[in-house]
Amino acid sequence: MCDTILEELKSLRSDLTSQIKKISDDFAILRSGTNARLTKIESIMSKVEEIDNIKPKVQKLEEDVGDARKSLSTLEKTKELLQEQTEKKLERMERHSRDFNIRVLGVVEEEGEDCLSIIQDFFALLGLRDAGGEVENAHRTGKKRDGKPRHIIAKLYSRPFKRNLLQVAKSQESKDTLNGVRFVEDFTPNDFETRKKALPIMKQAFEDRKK
């Protein structure tokens, strides 16, 4: 009977030893896998820390970029404002420089002509016989075009004389005398375009008043 008990104890001991070994092996595998996971986690945590350290730098760069964009926008607006102011100033200066000018249209162009004498002759035709000294200079302007004479620009000394001249040239008698030649204001290109666009509206308003 004692032999039987001993055999059972040996068998039980063997089973326990086998189970303990299996548990030990499983634990070793588990520990190995856990260590690998921990290593990965530590690596991830390290990268997260790096990212956290980079975030303030990235944020600062984003702020700098935002400030730079605002500065660029401000500079662009300032440039546009200065350009607009400069264009307006140049327009005023050009308008002032043309304020003493008249533009004469429809005068046949000839080789070797004297534009100053031509203008003085027209003054005589209009009855302005003592007006020869009112003209500072005169010259053709623009590019030559086949069949179309260039305009003559005459610079005068006096605005009152200019106003009187334009008024006289508007009369029907003067128009008949000038035979197609016209005396007009020497507008700047911008003023000319503005008046050109407004002309149909002015004509329509005039026709409406006549009804």
N, C-alpha and C. Protein backbone atom coordinates (compact mmCIF):
# COMPACT_ATOMS: atom_id res chain seq x y z
N MET A 1 0.82 -1.19 0.00
CA MET A 1 0.00 0.00 0.00
C MET A 1 0.87 1.26 0.00
N CYS A 2 1.94 1.22 0.79
CA CYS A 2 2.88 2.36 0.84
C CYS A 2 3.49 2.60 -0.53
N ASP A 3 3.76 1.51 -1.25
CA ASP A 3 4.33 1.68 -2.60
C ASP A 3 3.38 2.40 -3.53
N THR A 4 2.11 2.11 -3.41
CA THR A 4 1.10 2.74 -4.27
C THR A 4 1.02 4.22 -4.00
N ILE A 5 1.04 4.59 -2.73
CA ILE A 5 0.97 6.01 -2.34
C ILE A 5 2.18 6.75 -2.87
N LEU A 6 3.34 6.11 -2.75
CA LEU A 6 4.57 6.76 -3.23
C LEU A 6 4.52 7.01 -4.74
N GLU A 7 3.96 6.01 -5.43
CA GLU A 7 3.86 6.16 -6.88
C GLU A 7 2.93 7.33 -7.26
N GLU A 8 1.84 7.42 -6.50
CA GLU A 8 0.88 8.51 -6.78
C GLU A 8 1.51 9.87 -6.49
N LEU A 9 2.29 9.91 -5.39
CA LEU A 9 2.96 11.17 -5.03
C LEU A 9 3.97 11.55 -6.11
N LYS A 10 4.70 10.55 -6.61
CA LYS A 10 5.68 10.82 -7.68
C LYS A 10 5.00 11.37 -8.93
N SER A 11 3.85 10.70 -9.25
CA SER A 11 3.12 11.13 -10.44
C SER A 11 2.60 12.56 -10.27
N LEU A 12 2.07 12.85 -9.07
CA LEU A 12 1.54 14.18 -8.78
C LEU A 12 2.65 15.22 -8.83
N ARG A 13 3.81 14.81 -8.26
CA ARG A 13 4.95 15.72 -8.27
C ARG A 13 5.40 16.03 -9.70
N SER A 14 5.40 14.98 -10.52
CA SER A 14 5.80 15.14 -11.90
C SER A 14 4.85 16.07 -12.64
N ASP A 15 3.54 15.88 -12.37
CA ASP A 15 2.54 16.74 -13.02
C ASP A 15 2.72 18.20 -12.58
N LEU A 16 2.94 18.38 -11.27
CA LEU A 16 3.12 19.75 -10.75
C LEU A 16 4.35 20.41 -11.36
N THR A 17 5.41 19.60 -11.45
CA THR A 17 6.65 20.13 -12.04
C THR A 17 6.44 20.54 -13.49
N SER A 18 5.70 19.70 -14.21
CA SER A 18 5.42 19.99 -15.62
C SER A 18 4.59 21.26 -15.76
N GLN A 19 3.57 21.38 -14.87
CA GLN A 19 2.70 22.56 -14.93
C GLN A 19 3.47 23.82 -14.55
N ILE A 20 4.33 23.69 -13.51
CA ILE A 20 5.13 24.85 -13.09
C ILE A 20 6.05 25.29 -14.22
N LYS A 21 6.64 24.32 -14.91
CA LYS A 21 7.53 24.64 -16.02
C LYS A 21 6.77 25.35 -17.14
N LYS A 22 5.54 24.82 -17.41
CA LYS A 22 4.72 25.44 -18.46
C LYS A 22 4.35 26.88 -18.08
N ILE A 23 3.98 27.02 -16.79
CA ILE A 23 3.64 28.38 -16.32
C ILE A 23 4.84 29.30 -16.42
N SER A 24 6.01 28.75 -16.08
CA SER A 24 7.24 29.52 -16.13
C SER A 24 7.56 29.93 -17.57
N ASP A 25 7.36 28.98 -18.50
CA ASP A 25 7.60 29.28 -19.92
C ASP A 25 6.62 30.34 -20.43
N ASP A 26 5.34 30.15 -20.06
CA ASP A 26 4.32 31.12 -20.48
C ASP A 26 4.63 32.51 -19.93
N PHE A 27 5.08 32.54 -18.68
CA PHE A 27 5.40 33.82 -18.04
C PHE A 27 6.57 34.49 -18.74
N ALA A 28 7.55 33.65 -19.15
CA ALA A 28 8.72 34.18 -19.86
C ALA A 28 8.30 34.79 -21.19
N ILE A 29 7.39 34.07 -21.87
CA ILE A 29 6.89 34.59 -23.14
C ILE A 29 6.12 35.88 -22.92
N LEU A 30 5.26 35.88 -21.88
CA LEU A 30 4.47 37.05 -21.57
C LEU A 30 5.37 38.24 -21.21
N ARG A 31 6.42 37.94 -20.42
CA ARG A 31 7.32 39.01 -20.02
C ARG A 31 8.08 39.57 -21.23
N SER A 32 8.45 38.68 -22.13
CA SER A 32 9.16 39.12 -23.33
C SER A 32 8.27 40.02 -24.19
N GLY A 33 7.00 39.57 -24.37
CA GLY A 33 6.06 40.39 -25.15
C GLY A 33 5.77 41.72 -24.48
N THR A 34 5.64 41.65 -23.14
CA THR A 34 5.35 42.88 -22.39
C THR A 34 6.51 43.86 -22.49
N ASN A 35 7.74 43.33 -22.39
CA ASN A 35 8.92 44.20 -22.52
C ASN A 35 8.97 44.87 -23.89
N ALA A 36 8.59 44.08 -24.92
CA ALA A 36 8.58 44.65 -26.28
C ALA A 36 7.55 45.76 -26.38
N ARG A 37 6.37 45.51 -25.77
CA ARG A 37 5.32 46.53 -25.79
C ARG A 37 5.76 47.77 -25.03
N LEU A 38 6.39 47.52 -23.86
CA LEU A 38 6.86 48.65 -23.05
C LEU A 38 7.90 49.49 -23.81
N THR A 39 8.75 48.77 -24.56
CA THR A 39 9.76 49.47 -25.36
C THR A 39 9.10 50.35 -26.41
N LYS A 40 8.07 49.78 -27.06
CA LYS A 40 7.34 50.55 -28.07
C LYS A 40 6.64 51.75 -27.43
N ILE A 41 6.03 51.50 -26.28
CA ILE A 41 5.33 52.58 -25.57
C ILE A 41 6.30 53.69 -25.19
N GLU A 42 7.48 53.26 -24.67
CA GLU A 42 8.49 54.25 -24.30
C GLU A 42 8.95 55.06 -25.51
N SER A 43 9.10 54.37 -26.67
CA SER A 43 9.50 55.05 -27.89
C SER A 43 8.43 56.07 -28.33
N ILE A 44 7.17 55.62 -28.23
CA ILE A 44 6.05 56.51 -28.59
C ILE A 44 6.01 57.71 -27.65
N MET A 45 6.18 57.42 -26.35
CA MET A 45 6.15 58.50 -25.37
C MET A 45 7.28 59.49 -25.62
N SER A 46 8.42 58.98 -26.04
CA SER A 46 9.55 59.86 -26.35
C SER A 46 9.22 60.76 -27.54
N LYS A 47 8.58 60.17 -28.56
CA LYS A 47 8.19 60.96 -29.72
C LYS A 47 7.12 61.99 -29.36
N VAL A 48 6.20 61.57 -28.48
CA VAL A 48 5.16 62.49 -28.03
C VAL A 48 5.79 63.69 -27.32
N GLU A 49 6.81 63.39 -26.51
CA GLU A 49 7.51 64.47 -25.81
C GLU A 49 8.21 65.40 -26.80
N GLU A 50 8.81 64.77 -27.84
CA GLU A 50 9.45 65.59 -28.87
C GLU A 50 8.43 66.50 -29.57
N ILE A 51 7.27 65.88 -29.86
CA ILE A 51 6.21 66.65 -30.51
C ILE A 51 5.74 67.78 -29.60
N ASP A 52 5.58 67.47 -28.31
CA ASP A 52 5.17 68.49 -27.35
C ASP A 52 6.18 69.63 -27.28
N ASN A 53 7.48 69.25 -27.41
CA ASN A 53 8.53 70.28 -27.39
C ASN A 53 8.51 71.12 -28.67
N ILE A 54 8.10 70.47 -29.80
CA ILE A 54 8.06 71.16 -31.09
C ILE A 54 6.84 72.07 -31.18
N LYS A 55 5.74 71.69 -30.55
CA LYS A 55 4.49 72.44 -30.66
C LYS A 55 4.65 73.93 -30.41
N PRO A 56 5.32 74.34 -29.32
CA PRO A 56 5.50 75.79 -29.10
C PRO A 56 6.25 76.47 -30.24
N LYS A 57 7.25 75.75 -30.79
CA LYS A 57 8.01 76.32 -31.91
C LYS A 57 7.12 76.46 -33.14
N VAL A 58 6.31 75.42 -33.38
CA VAL A 58 5.40 75.47 -34.52
C VAL A 58 4.39 76.61 -34.34
N GLN A 59 3.87 76.73 -33.11
CA GLN A 59 2.91 77.78 -32.81
C GLN A 59 3.53 79.16 -33.02
N LYS A 60 4.79 79.30 -32.59
CA LYS A 60 5.50 80.57 -32.76
C LYS A 60 5.68 80.88 -34.25
N LEU A 61 6.06 79.83 -35.01
CA LEU A 61 6.22 80.03 -36.45
C LEU A 61 4.90 80.43 -37.10
N GLU A 62 3.80 79.80 -36.68
CA GLU A 62 2.49 80.15 -37.23
C GLU A 62 2.14 81.59 -36.90
N GLU A 63 2.46 82.01 -35.67
CA GLU A 63 2.20 83.40 -35.28
C GLU A 63 3.04 84.36 -36.13
N ASP A 64 4.31 83.98 -36.35
CA ASP A 64 5.20 84.82 -37.17
C ASP A 64 4.67 84.93 -38.59
N VAL A 65 4.20 83.79 -39.12
CA VAL A 65 3.64 83.79 -40.48
C VAL A 65 2.40 84.68 -40.53
N GLY A 66 1.55 84.57 -39.50
CA GLY A 66 0.35 85.41 -39.43
C GLY A 66 0.71 86.89 -39.38
N ASP A 67 1.71 87.23 -38.56
CA ASP A 67 2.15 88.63 -38.46
C ASP A 67 2.72 89.12 -39.79
N ALA A 68 3.48 88.23 -40.44
CA ALA A 68 4.07 88.60 -41.74
C ALA A 68 2.98 88.85 -42.78
N ARG A 69 1.93 88.01 -42.75
CA ARG A 69 0.82 88.20 -43.70
C ARG A 69 0.10 89.52 -43.43
N LYS A 70 -0.10 89.83 -42.14
CA LYS A 70 -0.75 91.10 -41.80
C LYS A 70 0.10 92.28 -42.26
N SER A 71 1.42 92.16 -42.03
CA SER A 71 2.32 93.24 -42.45
C SER A 71 2.30 93.40 -43.96
N LEU A 72 2.29 92.25 -44.67
CA LEU A 72 2.26 92.29 -46.13
C LEU A 72 0.96 92.93 -46.63
N SER A 73 -0.15 92.57 -45.97
CA SER A 73 -1.44 93.14 -46.34
C SER A 73 -1.45 94.65 -46.11
N THR A 74 -0.88 95.06 -44.97
CA THR A 74 -0.81 96.50 -44.66
C THR A 74 0.05 97.23 -45.69
N LEU A 75 1.20 96.62 -46.03
CA LEU A 75 2.09 97.22 -47.02
C LEU A 75 1.40 97.32 -48.38
N GLU A 76 0.64 96.29 -48.73
CA GLU A 76 -0.05 96.28 -50.02
C GLU A 76 -1.10 97.41 -50.06
N LYS A 77 -1.84 97.57 -48.94
CA LYS A 77 -2.84 98.63 -48.87
C LYS A 77 -2.17 100.01 -48.93
N THR A 78 -1.04 100.11 -48.21
CA THR A 78 -0.30 101.38 -48.21
C THR A 78 0.21 101.70 -49.61
N LYS A 79 0.72 100.67 -50.30
CA LYS A 79 1.22 100.86 -51.66
C LYS A 79 0.10 101.31 -52.60
N GLU A 80 -1.08 100.66 -52.46
CA GLU A 80 -2.22 101.03 -53.30
C GLU A 80 -2.67 102.46 -53.02
N LEU A 81 -2.67 102.83 -51.72
CA LEU A 81 -3.07 104.18 -51.35
C LEU A 81 -2.09 105.21 -51.91
N LEU A 82 -0.79 104.91 -51.76
CA LEU A 82 0.23 105.83 -52.28
C LEU A 82 0.15 105.93 -53.80
N GLN A 83 -0.10 104.80 -54.44
CA GLN A 83 -0.22 104.81 -55.90
C GLN A 83 -1.43 105.64 -56.34
N GLU A 84 -2.54 105.47 -55.61
CA GLU A 84 -3.74 106.25 -55.93
C GLU A 84 -3.50 107.74 -55.72
N GLN A 85 -2.86 108.07 -54.58
CA GLN A 85 -2.56 109.48 -54.29
C GLN A 85 -1.61 110.07 -55.33
N THR A 86 -0.61 109.26 -55.72
CA THR A 86 0.35 109.73 -56.71
C THR A 86 -0.32 109.97 -58.06
N GLU A 87 -1.20 109.03 -58.46
CA GLU A 87 -1.91 109.17 -59.73
C GLU A 87 -2.81 110.41 -59.72
N LYS A 88 -3.47 110.65 -58.57
CA LYS A 88 -4.33 111.83 -58.47
C LYS A 88 -3.51 113.11 -58.54
N LYS A 89 -2.36 113.09 -57.85
CA LYS A 89 -1.49 114.27 -57.86
C LYS A 89 -0.97 114.54 -59.27
N LEU A 90 -0.53 113.47 -59.95
CA LEU A 90 -0.05 113.64 -61.33
C LEU A 90 -1.16 114.12 -62.24
N GLU A 91 -2.38 113.62 -62.01
CA GLU A 91 -3.53 114.05 -62.81
C GLU A 91 -3.80 115.54 -62.60
N ARG A 92 -3.72 115.98 -61.33
CA ARG A 92 -3.93 117.41 -61.05
C ARG A 92 -2.84 118.26 -61.71
N MET A 93 -1.59 117.78 -61.62
CA MET A 93 -0.48 118.52 -62.23
C MET A 93 -0.65 118.60 -63.74
N GLU A 94 -1.04 117.48 -64.36
CA GLU A 94 -1.22 117.47 -65.81
C GLU A 94 -2.39 118.36 -66.21
N ARG A 95 -3.47 118.31 -65.40
CA ARG A 95 -4.63 119.15 -65.68
C ARG A 95 -4.26 120.63 -65.59
N HIS A 96 -3.44 120.95 -64.58
CA HIS A 96 -3.00 122.34 -64.42
C HIS A 96 -2.11 122.77 -65.59
N SER A 97 -1.22 121.87 -66.02
CA SER A 97 -0.32 122.22 -67.13
C SER A 97 -1.09 122.42 -68.43
N ARG A 98 -2.25 121.73 -68.56
CA ARG A 98 -3.06 121.87 -69.78
C ARG A 98 -4.06 123.01 -69.68
N ASP A 99 -4.13 123.63 -68.52
CA ASP A 99 -5.17 124.62 -68.28
C ASP A 99 -5.03 125.84 -69.19
N PHE A 100 -3.83 126.10 -69.68
CA PHE A 100 -3.59 127.23 -70.57
C PHE A 100 -3.60 126.80 -72.04
N ASN A 101 -3.88 125.51 -72.30
CA ASN A 101 -3.81 125.00 -73.68
C ASN A 101 -5.17 125.02 -74.36
N ILE A 102 -5.14 125.12 -75.67
CA ILE A 102 -6.30 124.81 -76.50
C ILE A 102 -5.86 123.79 -77.54
N ARG A 103 -6.81 122.99 -77.97
CA ARG A 103 -6.54 121.97 -78.98
C ARG A 103 -7.32 122.35 -80.24
N VAL A 104 -6.61 122.42 -81.37
CA VAL A 104 -7.24 122.83 -82.63
C VAL A 104 -7.32 121.61 -83.54
N LEU A 105 -8.54 121.28 -83.97
CA LEU A 105 -8.78 120.06 -84.74
C LEU A 105 -9.17 120.42 -86.18
N GLY A 106 -8.77 119.56 -87.10
CA GLY A 106 -9.22 119.68 -88.49
C GLY A 106 -8.39 120.59 -89.35
N VAL A 107 -7.20 120.99 -88.92
CA VAL A 107 -6.33 121.86 -89.73
C VAL A 107 -5.47 120.99 -90.63
N VAL A 108 -5.56 121.21 -91.93
CA VAL A 108 -4.79 120.42 -92.89
C VAL A 108 -3.29 120.54 -92.57
N GLU A 109 -2.61 119.41 -92.57
CA GLU A 109 -1.19 119.40 -92.20
C GLU A 109 -0.32 119.49 -93.45
N GLU A 110 0.63 120.42 -93.42
CA GLU A 110 1.51 120.62 -94.57
C GLU A 110 2.97 120.59 -94.12
N GLU A 111 3.83 120.17 -95.05
CA GLU A 111 5.26 120.10 -94.76
C GLU A 111 5.82 121.51 -94.54
N GLY A 112 6.60 121.69 -93.49
CA GLY A 112 7.25 122.97 -93.21
C GLY A 112 6.32 124.04 -92.67
N GLU A 113 5.15 123.68 -92.21
CA GLU A 113 4.18 124.65 -91.71
C GLU A 113 4.66 125.32 -90.42
N ASP A 114 4.10 126.47 -90.12
CA ASP A 114 4.39 127.21 -88.89
C ASP A 114 3.10 127.23 -88.07
N CYS A 115 3.03 126.36 -87.07
CA CYS A 115 1.78 126.22 -86.30
C CYS A 115 1.40 127.50 -85.58
N LEU A 116 2.40 128.24 -85.10
CA LEU A 116 2.13 129.49 -84.39
C LEU A 116 1.43 130.49 -85.32
N SER A 117 1.94 130.59 -86.55
CA SER A 117 1.33 131.51 -87.52
C SER A 117 -0.08 131.05 -87.89
N ILE A 118 -0.26 129.73 -87.97
CA ILE A 118 -1.59 129.19 -88.30
C ILE A 118 -2.61 129.61 -87.24
N ILE A 119 -2.23 129.49 -85.97
CA ILE A 119 -3.13 129.85 -84.88
C ILE A 119 -3.44 131.34 -84.91
N GLN A 120 -2.41 132.16 -85.13
CA GLN A 120 -2.62 133.61 -85.18
C GLN A 120 -3.53 134.00 -86.35
N ASP A 121 -3.41 133.27 -87.46
CA ASP A 121 -4.29 133.54 -88.60
C ASP A 121 -5.74 133.22 -88.25
N PHE A 122 -5.95 132.14 -87.51
CA PHE A 122 -7.32 131.79 -87.10
C PHE A 122 -7.87 132.84 -86.14
N PHE A 123 -7.02 133.36 -85.27
CA PHE A 123 -7.47 134.43 -84.36
C PHE A 123 -7.98 135.63 -85.19
N ALA A 124 -7.26 135.95 -86.24
CA ALA A 124 -7.66 137.06 -87.11
C ALA A 124 -9.00 136.77 -87.77
N LEU A 125 -9.19 135.51 -88.23
CA LEU A 125 -10.46 135.13 -88.86
C LEU A 125 -11.62 135.26 -87.89
N LEU A 126 -11.35 134.99 -86.60
CA LEU A 126 -12.40 135.05 -85.58
C LEU A 126 -12.61 136.48 -85.06
N GLY A 127 -11.86 137.45 -85.61
CA GLY A 127 -12.02 138.82 -85.19
C GLY A 127 -11.17 139.19 -83.99
N LEU A 128 -10.26 138.33 -83.61
CA LEU A 128 -9.38 138.59 -82.46
C LEU A 128 -8.05 139.11 -83.01
N ARG A 129 -8.06 140.31 -83.59
CA ARG A 129 -6.91 140.79 -84.36
C ARG A 129 -5.73 141.20 -83.48
N ASP A 130 -5.98 141.55 -82.26
CA ASP A 130 -4.88 141.97 -81.37
C ASP A 130 -4.46 140.86 -80.43
N ALA A 131 -4.75 139.61 -80.82
CA ALA A 131 -4.50 138.48 -79.91
C ALA A 131 -3.23 137.71 -80.25
N GLY A 132 -2.42 138.22 -81.18
CA GLY A 132 -1.23 137.49 -81.58
C GLY A 132 -0.27 137.24 -80.44
N GLY A 133 -0.20 138.19 -79.50
CA GLY A 133 0.71 138.03 -78.37
C GLY A 133 0.17 137.14 -77.26
N GLU A 134 -1.04 136.58 -77.46
CA GLU A 134 -1.63 135.72 -76.43
C GLU A 134 -1.14 134.27 -76.52
N VAL A 135 -0.41 133.95 -77.58
CA VAL A 135 0.03 132.56 -77.79
C VAL A 135 1.51 132.43 -77.44
N GLU A 136 1.82 131.49 -76.57
CA GLU A 136 3.22 131.26 -76.20
C GLU A 136 3.90 130.38 -77.24
N ASN A 137 3.28 129.27 -77.60
CA ASN A 137 3.82 128.40 -78.64
C ASN A 137 2.71 127.50 -79.16
N ALA A 138 2.98 126.81 -80.27
CA ALA A 138 2.01 125.91 -80.88
C ALA A 138 2.75 124.82 -81.63
N HIS A 139 2.18 123.62 -81.61
CA HIS A 139 2.84 122.50 -82.30
C HIS A 139 1.82 121.39 -82.54
N ARG A 140 2.14 120.51 -83.48
CA ARG A 140 1.32 119.33 -83.73
C ARG A 140 1.57 118.29 -82.63
N THR A 141 0.58 117.45 -82.39
CA THR A 141 0.73 116.42 -81.38
C THR A 141 0.11 115.12 -81.86
N GLY A 142 0.67 113.99 -81.38
CA GLY A 142 0.15 112.68 -81.78
C GLY A 142 0.90 112.08 -82.95
N LYS A 143 0.52 110.85 -83.28
CA LYS A 143 1.16 110.15 -84.39
C LYS A 143 0.48 110.49 -85.71
N LYS A 144 1.28 110.52 -86.75
CA LYS A 144 0.73 110.78 -88.08
C LYS A 144 -0.10 109.60 -88.54
N ARG A 145 -1.28 109.91 -89.11
CA ARG A 145 -2.16 108.87 -89.64
C ARG A 145 -2.58 109.28 -91.05
N ASP A 146 -2.63 108.31 -91.94
CA ASP A 146 -2.97 108.59 -93.34
C ASP A 146 -4.35 109.25 -93.44
N GLY A 147 -4.38 110.39 -94.10
CA GLY A 147 -5.66 111.05 -94.36
C GLY A 147 -6.21 111.87 -93.21
N LYS A 148 -5.57 111.82 -92.04
CA LYS A 148 -6.08 112.58 -90.90
C LYS A 148 -5.00 113.49 -90.34
N PRO A 149 -5.26 114.79 -90.31
CA PRO A 149 -4.24 115.70 -89.77
C PRO A 149 -4.15 115.58 -88.24
N ARG A 150 -2.95 115.75 -87.74
CA ARG A 150 -2.78 115.73 -86.29
C ARG A 150 -3.33 117.02 -85.68
N HIS A 151 -3.68 116.94 -84.41
CA HIS A 151 -4.18 118.13 -83.72
C HIS A 151 -3.04 119.13 -83.50
N ILE A 152 -3.41 120.40 -83.36
CA ILE A 152 -2.44 121.42 -82.98
C ILE A 152 -2.72 121.81 -81.52
N ILE A 153 -1.67 121.79 -80.71
CA ILE A 153 -1.78 122.25 -79.33
C ILE A 153 -1.17 123.65 -79.25
N ALA A 154 -1.97 124.62 -78.77
CA ALA A 154 -1.48 125.99 -78.60
C ALA A 154 -1.50 126.34 -77.12
N LYS A 155 -0.39 126.79 -76.62
CA LYS A 155 -0.29 127.20 -75.22
C LYS A 155 -0.47 128.71 -75.13
N LEU A 156 -1.45 129.15 -74.34
CA LEU A 156 -1.78 130.56 -74.21
C LEU A 156 -1.20 131.14 -72.93
N TYR A 157 -1.19 132.45 -72.85
CA TYR A 157 -0.68 133.13 -71.65
C TYR A 157 -1.79 133.41 -70.64
N SER A 158 -3.04 133.44 -71.10
CA SER A 158 -4.12 133.93 -70.24
C SER A 158 -5.33 132.99 -70.25
N ARG A 159 -5.83 132.66 -69.07
CA ARG A 159 -7.05 131.86 -68.98
C ARG A 159 -8.28 132.67 -69.45
N PRO A 160 -8.41 133.93 -69.04
CA PRO A 160 -9.57 134.70 -69.53
C PRO A 160 -9.63 134.76 -71.06
N PHE A 161 -8.47 134.92 -71.70
CA PHE A 161 -8.46 134.94 -73.16
C PHE A 161 -8.87 133.58 -73.71
N LYS A 162 -8.41 132.54 -73.07
CA LYS A 162 -8.77 131.18 -73.51
C LYS A 162 -10.29 131.00 -73.43
N ARG A 163 -10.90 131.40 -72.32
CA ARG A 163 -12.35 131.25 -72.18
C ARG A 163 -13.09 132.06 -73.24
N ASN A 164 -12.61 133.25 -73.50
CA ASN A 164 -13.23 134.09 -74.52
C ASN A 164 -13.09 133.48 -75.90
N LEU A 165 -11.90 132.94 -76.19
CA LEU A 165 -11.65 132.31 -77.49
C LEU A 165 -12.58 131.13 -77.71
N LEU A 166 -12.71 130.27 -76.73
CA LEU A 166 -13.58 129.09 -76.88
C LEU A 166 -15.03 129.52 -77.04
N GLN A 167 -15.43 130.58 -76.34
CA GLN A 167 -16.80 131.06 -76.44
C GLN A 167 -17.08 131.61 -77.84
N VAL A 168 -16.13 132.39 -78.35
CA VAL A 168 -16.28 132.95 -79.70
C VAL A 168 -16.33 131.84 -80.74
N ALA A 169 -15.47 130.81 -80.58
CA ALA A 169 -15.39 129.73 -81.58
C ALA A 169 -16.64 128.87 -81.61
N LYS A 170 -17.50 128.98 -80.57
CA LYS A 170 -18.72 128.15 -80.52
C LYS A 170 -19.86 128.74 -81.34
N SER A 171 -19.78 130.01 -81.65
CA SER A 171 -20.89 130.64 -82.38
C SER A 171 -21.02 130.05 -83.78
N GLN A 172 -22.23 130.07 -84.30
CA GLN A 172 -22.47 129.50 -85.63
C GLN A 172 -21.70 130.26 -86.70
N GLU A 173 -21.60 131.58 -86.54
CA GLU A 173 -20.85 132.38 -87.50
C GLU A 173 -19.38 131.97 -87.53
N SER A 174 -18.81 131.74 -86.35
CA SER A 174 -17.41 131.32 -86.28
C SER A 174 -17.22 129.93 -86.87
N LYS A 175 -18.18 129.05 -86.61
CA LYS A 175 -18.09 127.70 -87.17
C LYS A 175 -18.09 127.74 -88.69
N ASP A 176 -18.93 128.59 -89.24
CA ASP A 176 -18.96 128.74 -90.71
C ASP A 176 -17.63 129.29 -91.22
N THR A 177 -17.07 130.25 -90.46
CA THR A 177 -15.80 130.86 -90.86
C THR A 177 -14.66 129.86 -90.78
N LEU A 178 -14.65 129.05 -89.76
CA LEU A 178 -13.57 128.09 -89.55
C LEU A 178 -13.65 126.90 -90.49
N ASN A 179 -14.84 126.68 -91.09
CA ASN A 179 -14.99 125.65 -92.13
C ASN A 179 -14.50 124.26 -91.68
N GLY A 180 -15.01 123.83 -90.54
CA GLY A 180 -14.67 122.48 -90.05
C GLY A 180 -13.57 122.44 -89.03
N VAL A 181 -12.82 123.51 -88.88
CA VAL A 181 -11.77 123.57 -87.85
C VAL A 181 -12.43 123.87 -86.51
N ARG A 182 -12.01 123.18 -85.48
CA ARG A 182 -12.63 123.37 -84.16
C ARG A 182 -11.59 123.70 -83.10
N PHE A 183 -11.97 124.57 -82.17
CA PHE A 183 -11.16 124.91 -81.00
C PHE A 183 -11.81 124.25 -79.77
N VAL A 184 -11.05 123.40 -79.08
CA VAL A 184 -11.61 122.70 -77.92
C VAL A 184 -10.60 122.72 -76.78
N GLU A 185 -11.09 122.32 -75.59
CA GLU A 185 -10.23 122.19 -74.42
C GLU A 185 -9.21 121.07 -74.65
N ASP A 186 -8.05 121.24 -74.05
CA ASP A 186 -7.01 120.19 -74.10
C ASP A 186 -7.14 119.35 -72.82
N PHE A 187 -8.09 118.41 -72.84
CA PHE A 187 -8.35 117.60 -71.65
C PHE A 187 -7.27 116.55 -71.44
N THR A 188 -7.09 116.14 -70.19
CA THR A 188 -6.24 114.98 -69.91
C THR A 188 -6.96 113.73 -70.43
N PRO A 189 -6.23 112.63 -70.68
CA PRO A 189 -6.90 111.41 -71.15
C PRO A 189 -8.03 110.95 -70.24
N ASN A 190 -7.84 111.04 -68.92
CA ASN A 190 -8.88 110.62 -67.97
C ASN A 190 -10.11 111.52 -68.08
N ASP A 191 -9.87 112.83 -68.13
CA ASP A 191 -11.00 113.76 -68.26
C ASP A 191 -11.73 113.57 -69.58
N PHE A 192 -10.95 113.29 -70.64
CA PHE A 192 -11.56 113.07 -71.96
C PHE A 192 -12.48 111.86 -71.93
N GLU A 193 -12.00 110.76 -71.32
CA GLU A 193 -12.82 109.54 -71.24
C GLU A 193 -14.06 109.75 -70.40
N THR A 194 -13.91 110.52 -69.30
CA THR A 194 -15.06 110.81 -68.43
C THR A 194 -16.13 111.59 -69.20
N ARG A 195 -15.69 112.62 -69.92
CA ARG A 195 -16.63 113.42 -70.70
C ARG A 195 -17.24 112.61 -71.86
N LYS A 196 -16.44 111.74 -72.45
CA LYS A 196 -16.92 110.90 -73.55
C LYS A 196 -18.06 110.00 -73.07
N LYS A 197 -17.89 109.43 -71.86
CA LYS A 197 -18.93 108.55 -71.30
C LYS A 197 -20.17 109.35 -70.90
N ALA A 198 -19.94 110.60 -70.45
CA ALA A 198 -21.07 111.42 -69.97
C ALA A 198 -21.83 112.07 -71.12
N LEU A 199 -21.21 112.19 -72.29
CA LEU A 199 -21.82 112.91 -73.41
C LEU A 199 -23.19 112.35 -73.81
N PRO A 200 -23.37 111.03 -73.98
CA PRO A 200 -24.71 110.51 -74.35
C PRO A 200 -25.76 110.85 -73.29
N ILE A 201 -25.35 110.83 -72.03
CA ILE A 201 -26.31 111.14 -70.95
C ILE A 201 -26.70 112.61 -71.02
N MET A 202 -25.71 113.49 -71.28
CA MET A 202 -25.99 114.92 -71.39
C MET A 202 -26.89 115.20 -72.59
N LYS A 203 -26.63 114.52 -73.70
CA LYS A 203 -27.46 114.71 -74.90
C LYS A 203 -28.90 114.28 -74.64
N GLN A 204 -29.07 113.14 -73.93
CA GLN A 204 -30.41 112.64 -73.64
C GLN A 204 -31.14 113.60 -72.72
N ALA A 205 -30.42 114.14 -71.73
CA ALA A 205 -31.03 115.11 -70.81
C ALA A 205 -31.46 116.37 -71.56
N PHE A 206 -30.64 116.81 -72.52
CA PHE A 206 -30.97 117.98 -73.32
C PHE A 206 -32.21 117.74 -74.16
N GLU A 207 -32.30 116.53 -74.78
CA GLU A 207 -33.46 116.19 -75.60
C GLU A 207 -34.71 116.12 -74.74
N ASP A 208 -34.58 115.58 -73.51
CA ASP A 208 -35.73 115.47 -72.61
C ASP A 208 -36.26 116.84 -72.22
N ARG A 209 -35.36 117.83 -72.04
CA ARG A 209 -35.78 119.17 -71.68
C ARG A 209 -36.54 119.86 -72.83
N LYS A 210 -36.18 119.46 -74.06
CA LYS A 210 -36.82 120.08 -75.23
C LYS A 210 -38.26 119.60 -75.42
N LYS A 211 -38.58 118.42 -74.82
CA LYS A 211 -39.93 117.85 -75.02
C LYS A 211 -40.97 118.61 -74.20
